[in-house]
Amino acid sequence: TGAATTGRGGLVSISAGSGTSGVGGLVSILSGRSTVHTGGALSIESGEGTATSSGVITIRTTNSGASGVSGSLVFSSGTAVEGNSGSIVMGTGAATSGRGGLVSISAGSGTSGVGG
């Protein structure tokens, strides 16, 4: 959407339909392929708040139904044919006034078997 000179910026919503028989819809975002140079890039960023906080990015699966399991989150770099494979980097930004951010990874508790 275009920039707003006053008021709020626009909204882009991508949604796949739900299913009553079988699985729900699929949303796939794929950057371009190149046969002679580096493939396309995909960037997801929250908006900058020039007067206050920047926006939030939430990546999550929703809860399962009455039976089944909740979905998985997979962060994976590709396989390298020649050279090093890609990296997975998580970090927080620096704070010029205040404390630096926190990186926290936790596994959920369980009621049966060994925990995560």
Foldseek 3Di string as FASTA:
>chain_A
DDDDPDDDDDDDDDDWAADPPDGTGDDDDDFADDPPDDTGDDDDDFACDPVDHTDDDDDDWDADDPDDGTDDDDDDWDDDPDDDTDDDDDDFDDDPPDDTDDDDDDFDADDDDDGD
